[in-house]
Structures are given as C-alpha cells and as structure tokens.
Amino acid sequence: MQIAILPDSAIIKLFEAANRSTFLHEAGHLFLDMTGKLYNHEKATPEIKEDGDAILKFLGVDSFDNITTEQHETWARAQEKYF
C-alpha cells in the first residue's frame, strides 16, 4: 500500500497484501491532510475550524503543521476502527 499526497491530487495504490481495512487506513491519512488544508485556509468555515480543533485535540497537538508520523498513524488507525 502506498499513498502519495500531491498539491493538486492524491494517489492510493493497493498492493496484493492489502486487506479490507487498508484503503480505509490510507484514506484516513488523506482525510487528515485535506482537513488540515481546509482548516488553514483563509476562508475556513466555523464548522471546519470546529472539526479541525476536535482532531487536533484528539491527536494532542496544537497545529496541523506539527502533526508527527506517529500521530498520523494514530489518526489512520482510528479511521479504520470508525468505518
């Protein structure tokens, strides 16, 4: 499994070892990245800010720019369980 998050697109590649949760896990990484971009946008809505604040609180970090790889994995595993 591999995910590439580019400035204007994202590519998720599933390999033979992928299982049912693999796509959900990788989509969790993409969701976190996209939410961070929306949260930091100058026209972010109050709802996006509220959702972003909840995510930051869950991860124990003060900014989307400061999210570590470990926190990214924590979020992706949580997304697997949620879905």
PDB file of N, CA and C in Angstrom:
ATOM      1  N   MET A   1       0.838  -1.171   0.000  1.00  0.00           N
ATOM      2  CA  MET A   1       0.000   0.000   0.000  1.00  0.00           C
ATOM      3  C   MET A   1       0.877   1.226   0.000  1.00  0.00           C
ATOM      4  N   GLN A   2       0.461   2.165  -0.774  1.00  0.00           N
ATOM      5  CA  GLN A   2       1.208   3.405  -0.850  1.00  0.00           C
ATOM      6  C   GLN A   2       0.232   4.542  -1.111  1.00  0.00           C
ATOM      7  N   ILE A   3       0.489   5.676  -0.479  1.00  0.00           N
ATOM      8  CA  ILE A   3      -0.299   6.876  -0.744  1.00  0.00           C
ATOM      9  C   ILE A   3       0.660   8.005  -1.079  1.00  0.00           C
ATOM     10  N   ALA A   4       0.308   8.748  -2.097  1.00  0.00           N
ATOM     11  CA  ALA A   4       1.079   9.929  -2.485  1.00  0.00           C
ATOM     12  C   ALA A   4       0.122  11.111  -2.458  1.00  0.00           C
ATOM     13  N   ILE A   5       0.382  12.057  -1.576  1.00  0.00           N
ATOM     14  CA  ILE A   5      -0.449  13.252  -1.479  1.00  0.00           C
ATOM     15  C   ILE A   5       0.305  14.387  -2.153  1.00  0.00           C
ATOM     16  N   LEU A   6      -0.235  14.829  -3.262  1.00  0.00           N
ATOM     17  CA  LEU A   6       0.385  15.866  -4.080  1.00  0.00           C
ATOM     18  C   LEU A   6      -0.380  17.170  -3.898  1.00  0.00           C
ATOM     19  N   PRO A   7       0.156  18.278  -4.348  1.00  0.00           N
ATOM     20  CA  PRO A   7      -0.534  19.565  -4.164  1.00  0.00           C
ATOM     21  C   PRO A   7      -1.945  19.605  -4.751  1.00  0.00           C
ATOM     22  N   ASP A   8      -2.164  18.918  -5.876  1.00  0.00           N
ATOM     23  CA  ASP A   8      -3.475  19.003  -6.525  1.00  0.00           C
ATOM     24  C   ASP A   8      -4.169  17.657  -6.709  1.00  0.00           C
ATOM     25  N   SER A   9      -3.642  16.600  -6.113  1.00  0.00           N
ATOM     26  CA  SER A   9      -4.264  15.281  -6.233  1.00  0.00           C
ATOM     27  C   SER A   9      -3.670  14.317  -5.207  1.00  0.00           C
ATOM     28  N   ALA A  10      -4.266  13.142  -5.141  1.00  0.00           N
ATOM     29  CA  ALA A  10      -3.735  12.084  -4.270  1.00  0.00           C
ATOM     30  C   ALA A  10      -3.894  10.757  -4.992  1.00  0.00           C
ATOM     31  N   ILE A  11      -2.933   9.877  -4.777  1.00  0.00           N
ATOM     32  CA  ILE A  11      -2.966   8.553  -5.395  1.00  0.00           C
ATOM     33  C   ILE A  11      -2.791   7.520  -4.294  1.00  0.00           C
ATOM     34  N   ILE A  12      -3.734   6.589  -4.216  1.00  0.00           N
ATOM     35  CA  ILE A  12      -3.638   5.476  -3.277  1.00  0.00           C
ATOM     36  C   ILE A  12      -3.472   4.208  -4.108  1.00  0.00           C
ATOM     37  N   LYS A  13      -2.363   3.508  -3.907  1.00  0.00           N
ATOM     38  CA  LYS A  13      -2.101   2.265  -4.618  1.00  0.00           C
ATOM     39  C   LYS A  13      -2.277   1.105  -3.652  1.00  0.00           C
ATOM     40  N   LEU A  14      -3.089   0.133  -4.038  1.00  0.00           N
ATOM     41  CA  LEU A  14      -3.307  -1.065  -3.238  1.00  0.00           C
ATOM     42  C   LEU A  14      -2.485  -2.201  -3.835  1.00  0.00           C
ATOM     43  N   PHE A  15      -1.676  -2.842  -2.999  1.00  0.00           N
ATOM     44  CA  PHE A  15      -0.864  -3.956  -3.451  1.00  0.00           C
ATOM     45  C   PHE A  15      -1.508  -5.271  -3.035  1.00  0.00           C
ATOM     46  N   GLU A  16      -0.931  -6.375  -3.421  1.00  0.00           N
ATOM     47  CA  GLU A  16      -1.515  -7.690  -3.152  1.00  0.00           C
ATOM     48  C   GLU A  16      -1.744  -7.959  -1.672  1.00  0.00           C
ATOM     49  N   ALA A  17      -0.905  -7.437  -0.808  1.00  0.00           N
ATOM     50  CA  ALA A  17      -1.032  -7.694   0.628  1.00  0.00           C
ATOM     51  C   ALA A  17      -2.142  -6.865   1.289  1.00  0.00           C
ATOM     52  N   ALA A  18      -2.769  -5.982   0.535  1.00  0.00           N
ATOM     53  CA  ALA A  18      -3.819  -5.128   1.109  1.00  0.00           C
ATOM     54  C   ALA A  18      -4.995  -5.974   1.580  1.00  0.00           C
ATOM     55  N   ASN A  19      -5.600  -5.534   2.682  1.00  0.00           N
ATOM     56  CA  ASN A  19      -6.803  -6.212   3.174  1.00  0.00           C
ATOM     57  C   ASN A  19      -7.962  -5.208   3.200  1.00  0.00           C
ATOM     58  N   ARG A  20      -9.064  -5.578   3.807  1.00  0.00           N
ATOM     59  CA  ARG A  20     -10.265  -4.727   3.798  1.00  0.00           C
ATOM     60  C   ARG A  20     -10.045  -3.376   4.456  1.00  0.00           C
ATOM     61  N   SER A  21      -9.180  -3.322   5.421  1.00  0.00           N
ATOM     62  CA  SER A  21      -9.001  -2.062   6.144  1.00  0.00           C
ATOM     63  C   SER A  21      -7.911  -1.169   5.532  1.00  0.00           C
ATOM     64  N   THR A  22      -7.158  -1.687   4.588  1.00  0.00           N
ATOM     65  CA  THR A  22      -6.029  -0.937   4.044  1.00  0.00           C
ATOM     66  C   THR A  22      -6.466   0.370   3.401  1.00  0.00           C
ATOM     67  N   PHE A  23      -7.484   0.318   2.565  1.00  0.00           N
ATOM     68  CA  PHE A  23      -7.941   1.542   1.911  1.00  0.00           C
ATOM     69  C   PHE A  23      -8.466   2.540   2.936  1.00  0.00           C
ATOM     70  N   LEU A  24      -9.207   2.066   3.928  1.00  0.00           N
ATOM     71  CA  LEU A  24      -9.733   2.964   4.965  1.00  0.00           C
ATOM     72  C   LEU A  24      -8.602   3.633   5.726  1.00  0.00           C
ATOM     73  N   HIS A  25      -7.563   2.883   6.010  1.00  0.00           N
ATOM     74  CA  HIS A  25      -6.398   3.420   6.717  1.00  0.00           C
ATOM     75  C   HIS A  25      -5.752   4.531   5.893  1.00  0.00           C
ATOM     76  N   GLU A  26      -5.479   4.244   4.630  1.00  0.00           N
ATOM     77  CA  GLU A  26      -4.825   5.234   3.771  1.00  0.00           C
ATOM     78  C   GLU A  26      -5.732   6.425   3.499  1.00  0.00           C
ATOM     79  N   ALA A  27      -7.025   6.186   3.376  1.00  0.00           N
ATOM     80  CA  ALA A  27      -7.970   7.286   3.199  1.00  0.00           C
ATOM     81  C   ALA A  27      -7.984   8.176   4.445  1.00  0.00           C
ATOM     82  N   GLY A  28      -7.729   7.593   5.613  1.00  0.00           N
ATOM     83  CA  GLY A  28      -7.625   8.375   6.840  1.00  0.00           C
ATOM     84  C   GLY A  28      -6.481   9.375   6.772  1.00  0.00           C
ATOM     85  N   HIS A  29      -5.344   8.945   6.214  1.00  0.00           N
ATOM     86  CA  HIS A  29      -4.222   9.867   6.018  1.00  0.00           C
ATOM     87  C   HIS A  29      -4.631  11.015   5.092  1.00  0.00           C
ATOM     88  N   LEU A  30      -5.309  10.664   4.016  1.00  0.00           N
ATOM     89  CA  LEU A  30      -5.739  11.675   3.045  1.00  0.00           C
ATOM     90  C   LEU A  30      -6.727  12.647   3.687  1.00  0.00           C
ATOM     91  N   PHE A  31      -7.693  12.113   4.437  1.00  0.00           N
ATOM     92  CA  PHE A  31      -8.678  12.955   5.112  1.00  0.00           C
ATOM     93  C   PHE A  31      -7.999  13.936   6.068  1.00  0.00           C
ATOM     94  N   LEU A  32      -7.032  13.455   6.827  1.00  0.00           N
ATOM     95  CA  LEU A  32      -6.327  14.318   7.777  1.00  0.00           C
ATOM     96  C   LEU A  32      -5.587  15.432   7.045  1.00  0.00           C
ATOM     97  N   ASP A  33      -4.925  15.076   5.958  1.00  0.00           N
ATOM     98  CA  ASP A  33      -4.198  16.074   5.175  1.00  0.00           C
ATOM     99  C   ASP A  33      -5.162  17.115   4.587  1.00  0.00           C
ATOM    100  N   MET A  34      -6.264  16.652   4.022  1.00  0.00           N
ATOM    101  CA  MET A  34      -7.233  17.575   3.417  1.00  0.00           C
ATOM    102  C   MET A  34      -7.886  18.464   4.470  1.00  0.00           C
ATOM    103  N   THR A  35      -8.189  17.893   5.623  1.00  0.00           N
ATOM    104  CA  THR A  35      -8.787  18.686   6.694  1.00  0.00           C
ATOM    105  C   THR A  35      -7.830  19.770   7.155  1.00  0.00           C
ATOM    106  N   GLY A  36      -6.545  19.429   7.255  1.00  0.00           N
ATOM    107  CA  GLY A  36      -5.544  20.427   7.635  1.00  0.00           C
ATOM    108  C   GLY A  36      -5.476  21.572   6.640  1.00  0.00           C
ATOM    109  N   LYS A  37      -5.535  21.257   5.355  1.00  0.00           N
ATOM    110  CA  LYS A  37      -5.502  22.304   4.332  1.00  0.00           C
ATOM    111  C   LYS A  37      -6.738  23.195   4.418  1.00  0.00           C
ATOM    112  N   LEU A  38      -7.894  22.583   4.606  1.00  0.00           N
ATOM    113  CA  LEU A  38      -9.124  23.374   4.745  1.00  0.00           C
ATOM    114  C   LEU A  38      -9.096  24.224   6.007  1.00  0.00           C
ATOM    115  N   TYR A  39      -8.631  23.644   7.096  1.00  0.00           N
ATOM    116  CA  TYR A  39      -8.561  24.332   8.387  1.00  0.00           C
ATOM    117  C   TYR A  39      -7.670  25.566   8.304  1.00  0.00           C
ATOM    118  N   ASN A  40      -6.571  25.439   7.591  1.00  0.00           N
ATOM    119  CA  ASN A  40      -5.610  26.537   7.489  1.00  0.00           C
ATOM    120  C   ASN A  40      -5.947  27.548   6.391  1.00  0.00           C
ATOM    121  N   HIS A  41      -6.985  27.281   5.624  1.00  0.00           N
ATOM    122  CA  HIS A  41      -7.366  28.186   4.539  1.00  0.00           C
ATOM    123  C   HIS A  41      -8.000  29.452   5.120  1.00  0.00           C
ATOM    124  N   GLU A  42      -7.729  30.577   4.496  1.00  0.00           N
ATOM    125  CA  GLU A  42      -8.241  31.867   4.996  1.00  0.00           C
ATOM    126  C   GLU A  42      -9.764  31.937   5.006  1.00  0.00           C
ATOM    127  N   LYS A  43     -10.437  31.126   4.194  1.00  0.00           N
ATOM    128  CA  LYS A  43     -11.901  31.139   4.148  1.00  0.00           C
ATOM    129  C   LYS A  43     -12.526  29.937   4.855  1.00  0.00           C
ATOM    130  N   ALA A  44     -11.780  29.329   5.767  1.00  0.00           N
ATOM    131  CA  ALA A  44     -12.300  28.170   6.500  1.00  0.00           C
ATOM    132  C   ALA A  44     -13.566  28.545   7.260  1.00  0.00           C
ATOM    133  N   THR A  45     -14.570  27.697   7.165  1.00  0.00           N
ATOM    134  CA  THR A  45     -15.841  27.944   7.851  1.00  0.00           C
ATOM    135  C   THR A  45     -15.702  27.633   9.345  1.00  0.00           C
ATOM    136  N   PRO A  46     -16.610  28.148  10.147  1.00  0.00           N
ATOM    137  CA  PRO A  46     -16.586  27.810  11.576  1.00  0.00           C
ATOM    138  C   PRO A  46     -16.703  26.295  11.807  1.00  0.00           C
ATOM    139  N   GLU A  47     -17.459  25.607  10.959  1.00  0.00           N
ATOM    140  CA  GLU A  47     -17.618  24.155  11.116  1.00  0.00           C
ATOM    141  C   GLU A  47     -16.299  23.426  10.861  1.00  0.00           C
ATOM    142  N   ILE A  48     -15.566  23.858   9.830  1.00  0.00           N
ATOM    143  CA  ILE A  48     -14.257  23.251   9.556  1.00  0.00           C
ATOM    144  C   ILE A  48     -13.304  23.522  10.711  1.00  0.00           C
ATOM    145  N   LYS A  49     -13.323  24.736  11.236  1.00  0.00           N
ATOM    146  CA  LYS A  49     -12.463  25.079  12.373  1.00  0.00           C
ATOM    147  C   LYS A  49     -12.807  24.218  13.588  1.00  0.00           C
ATOM    148  N   GLU A  50     -14.108  24.026  13.828  1.00  0.00           N
ATOM    149  CA  GLU A  50     -14.542  23.220  14.967  1.00  0.00           C
ATOM    150  C   GLU A  50     -14.110  21.763  14.797  1.00  0.00           C
ATOM    151  N   ASP A  51     -14.320  21.217  13.602  1.00  0.00           N
ATOM    152  CA  ASP A  51     -13.890  19.841  13.339  1.00  0.00           C
ATOM    153  C   ASP A  51     -12.376  19.709  13.462  1.00  0.00           C
ATOM    154  N   GLY A  52     -11.658  20.677  12.900  1.00  0.00           N
ATOM    155  CA  GLY A  52     -10.198  20.653  12.985  1.00  0.00           C
ATOM    156  C   GLY A  52      -9.708  20.727  14.417  1.00  0.00           C
ATOM    157  N   ASP A  53     -10.348  21.576  15.213  1.00  0.00           N
ATOM    158  CA  ASP A  53      -9.967  21.680  16.630  1.00  0.00           C
ATOM    159  C   ASP A  53     -10.175  20.351  17.356  1.00  0.00           C
ATOM    160  N   ALA A  54     -11.261  19.651  17.020  1.00  0.00           N
ATOM    161  CA  ALA A  54     -11.525  18.348  17.646  1.00  0.00           C
ATOM    162  C   ALA A  54     -10.448  17.336  17.248  1.00  0.00           C
ATOM    163  N   ILE A  55     -10.042  17.364  15.993  1.00  0.00           N
ATOM    164  CA  ILE A  55      -8.988  16.454  15.530  1.00  0.00           C
ATOM    165  C   ILE A  55      -7.665  16.770  16.229  1.00  0.00           C
ATOM    166  N   LEU A  56      -7.324  18.041  16.292  1.00  0.00           N
ATOM    167  CA  LEU A  56      -6.079  18.434  16.961  1.00  0.00           C
ATOM    168  C   LEU A  56      -6.086  18.014  18.427  1.00  0.00           C
ATOM    169  N   LYS A  57      -7.228  18.183  19.082  1.00  0.00           N
ATOM    170  CA  LYS A  57      -7.344  17.777  20.487  1.00  0.00           C
ATOM    171  C   LYS A  57      -7.158  16.264  20.610  1.00  0.00           C
ATOM    172  N   PHE A  58      -7.807  15.509  19.737  1.00  0.00           N
ATOM    173  CA  PHE A  58      -7.691  14.052  19.750  1.00  0.00           C
ATOM    174  C   PHE A  58      -6.232  13.619  19.606  1.00  0.00           C
ATOM    175  N   LEU A  59      -5.502  14.305  18.735  1.00  0.00           N
ATOM    176  CA  LEU A  59      -4.107  13.943  18.481  1.00  0.00           C
ATOM    177  C   LEU A  59      -3.135  14.558  19.486  1.00  0.00           C
ATOM    178  N   GLY A  60      -3.620  15.492  20.294  1.00  0.00           N
ATOM    179  CA  GLY A  60      -2.759  16.113  21.301  1.00  0.00           C
ATOM    180  C   GLY A  60      -1.713  17.028  20.703  1.00  0.00           C
ATOM    181  N   VAL A  61      -2.100  17.786  19.686  1.00  0.00           N
ATOM    182  CA  VAL A  61      -1.177  18.679  19.001  1.00  0.00           C
ATOM    183  C   VAL A  61      -1.866  20.030  18.803  1.00  0.00           C
ATOM    184  N   ASP A  62      -1.083  21.081  18.639  1.00  0.00           N
ATOM    185  CA  ASP A  62      -1.663  22.419  18.556  1.00  0.00           C
ATOM    186  C   ASP A  62      -1.841  22.940  17.141  1.00  0.00           C
ATOM    187  N   SER A  63      -1.317  22.217  16.142  1.00  0.00           N
ATOM    188  CA  SER A  63      -1.376  22.706  14.770  1.00  0.00           C
ATOM    189  C   SER A  63      -1.287  21.532  13.799  1.00  0.00           C
ATOM    190  N   PHE A  64      -1.991  21.635  12.682  1.00  0.00           N
ATOM    191  CA  PHE A  64      -1.876  20.596  11.654  1.00  0.00           C
ATOM    192  C   PHE A  64      -0.459  20.527  11.108  1.00  0.00           C
ATOM    193  N   ASP A  65       0.250  21.624  11.140  1.00  0.00           N
ATOM    194  CA  ASP A  65       1.635  21.652  10.660  1.00  0.00           C
ATOM    195  C   ASP A  65       2.586  20.881  11.560  1.00  0.00           C
ATOM    196  N   ASN A  66       2.172  20.603  12.789  1.00  0.00           N
ATOM    197  CA  ASN A  66       3.039  19.923  13.756  1.00  0.00           C
ATOM    198  C   ASN A  66       2.683  18.450  13.965  1.00  0.00           C
ATOM    199  N   ILE A  67       1.804  17.908  13.146  1.00  0.00           N
ATOM    200  CA  ILE A  67       1.406  16.506  13.300  1.00  0.00           C
ATOM    201  C   ILE A  67       2.575  15.609  12.889  1.00  0.00           C
ATOM    202  N   THR A  68       2.931  14.696  13.775  1.00  0.00           N
ATOM    203  CA  THR A  68       4.039  13.769  13.522  1.00  0.00           C
ATOM    204  C   THR A  68       3.545  12.542  12.753  1.00  0.00           C
ATOM    205  N   THR A  69       4.477  11.747  12.288  1.00  0.00           N
ATOM    206  CA  THR A  69       4.126  10.496  11.611  1.00  0.00           C
ATOM    207  C   THR A  69       3.346   9.592  12.564  1.00  0.00           C
ATOM    208  N   GLU A  70       3.790   9.528  13.816  1.00  0.00           N
ATOM    209  CA  GLU A  70       3.098   8.695  14.810  1.00  0.00           C
ATOM    210  C   GLU A  70       1.651   9.155  14.997  1.00  0.00           C
ATOM    211  N   GLN A  71       1.428  10.457  15.062  1.00  0.00           N
ATOM    212  CA  GLN A  71       0.066  10.980  15.207  1.00  0.00           C
ATOM    213  C   GLN A  71      -0.757  10.722  13.946  1.00  0.00           C
ATOM    214  N   HIS A  72      -0.122  10.791  12.794  1.00  0.00           N
ATOM    215  CA  HIS A  72      -0.810  10.473  11.540  1.00  0.00           C
ATOM    216  C   HIS A  72      -1.292   9.025  11.575  1.00  0.00           C
ATOM    217  N   GLU A  73      -0.421   8.135  12.055  1.00  0.00           N
ATOM    218  CA  GLU A  73      -0.790   6.723  12.156  1.00  0.00           C
ATOM    219  C   GLU A  73      -1.902   6.505  13.177  1.00  0.00           C
ATOM    220  N   THR A  74      -1.850   7.225  14.279  1.00  0.00           N
ATOM    221  CA  THR A  74      -2.915   7.143  15.282  1.00  0.00           C
ATOM    222  C   THR A  74      -4.250   7.508  14.647  1.00  0.00           C
ATOM    223  N   TRP A  75      -4.250   8.594  13.872  1.00  0.00           N
ATOM    224  CA  TRP A  75      -5.485   9.031  13.212  1.00  0.00           C
ATOM    225  C   TRP A  75      -5.963   7.986  12.195  1.00  0.00           C
ATOM    226  N   ALA A  76      -5.054   7.469  11.382  1.00  0.00           N
ATOM    227  CA  ALA A  76      -5.433   6.493  10.361  1.00  0.00           C
ATOM    228  C   ALA A  76      -6.003   5.220  10.994  1.00  0.00           C
ATOM    229  N   ARG A  77      -5.411   4.755  12.096  1.00  0.00           N
ATOM    230  CA  ARG A  77      -5.939   3.574  12.789  1.00  0.00           C
ATOM    231  C   ARG A  77      -7.317   3.856  13.378  1.00  0.00           C
ATOM    232  N   ALA A  78      -7.515   5.066  13.884  1.00  0.00           N
ATOM    233  CA  ALA A  78      -8.834   5.445  14.421  1.00  0.00           C
ATOM    234  C   ALA A  78      -9.879   5.454  13.306  1.00  0.00           C
ATOM    235  N   GLN A  79      -9.499   5.922  12.127  1.00  0.00           N
ATOM    236  CA  GLN A  79     -10.422   5.943  10.993  1.00  0.00           C
ATOM    237  C   GLN A  79     -10.814   4.525  10.584  1.00  0.00           C
ATOM    238  N   GLU A  80      -9.855   3.605  10.600  1.00  0.00           N
ATOM    239  CA  GLU A  80     -10.153   2.203  10.295  1.00  0.00           C
ATOM    240  C   GLU A  80     -11.220   1.685  11.236  1.00  0.00           C
ATOM    241  N   LYS A  81     -11.050   1.936  12.525  1.00  0.00           N
ATOM    242  CA  LYS A  81     -11.994   1.446  13.526  1.00  0.00           C
ATOM    243  C   LYS A  81     -13.359   2.104  13.393  1.00  0.00           C
ATOM    244  N   TYR A  82     -13.361   3.398  13.060  1.00  0.00           N
ATOM    245  CA  TYR A  82     -14.614   4.135  12.936  1.00  0.00           C
ATOM    246  C   TYR A  82     -15.462   3.590  11.789  1.00  0.00           C
ATOM    247  N   PHE A  83     -14.818   3.358  10.663  1.00  0.00           N
ATOM    248  CA  PHE A  83     -15.561   2.897   9.490  1.00  0.00           C
ATOM    249  C   PHE A  83     -15.708   1.388   9.490  1.00  0.00           C
TER     250      PHE A  83
END
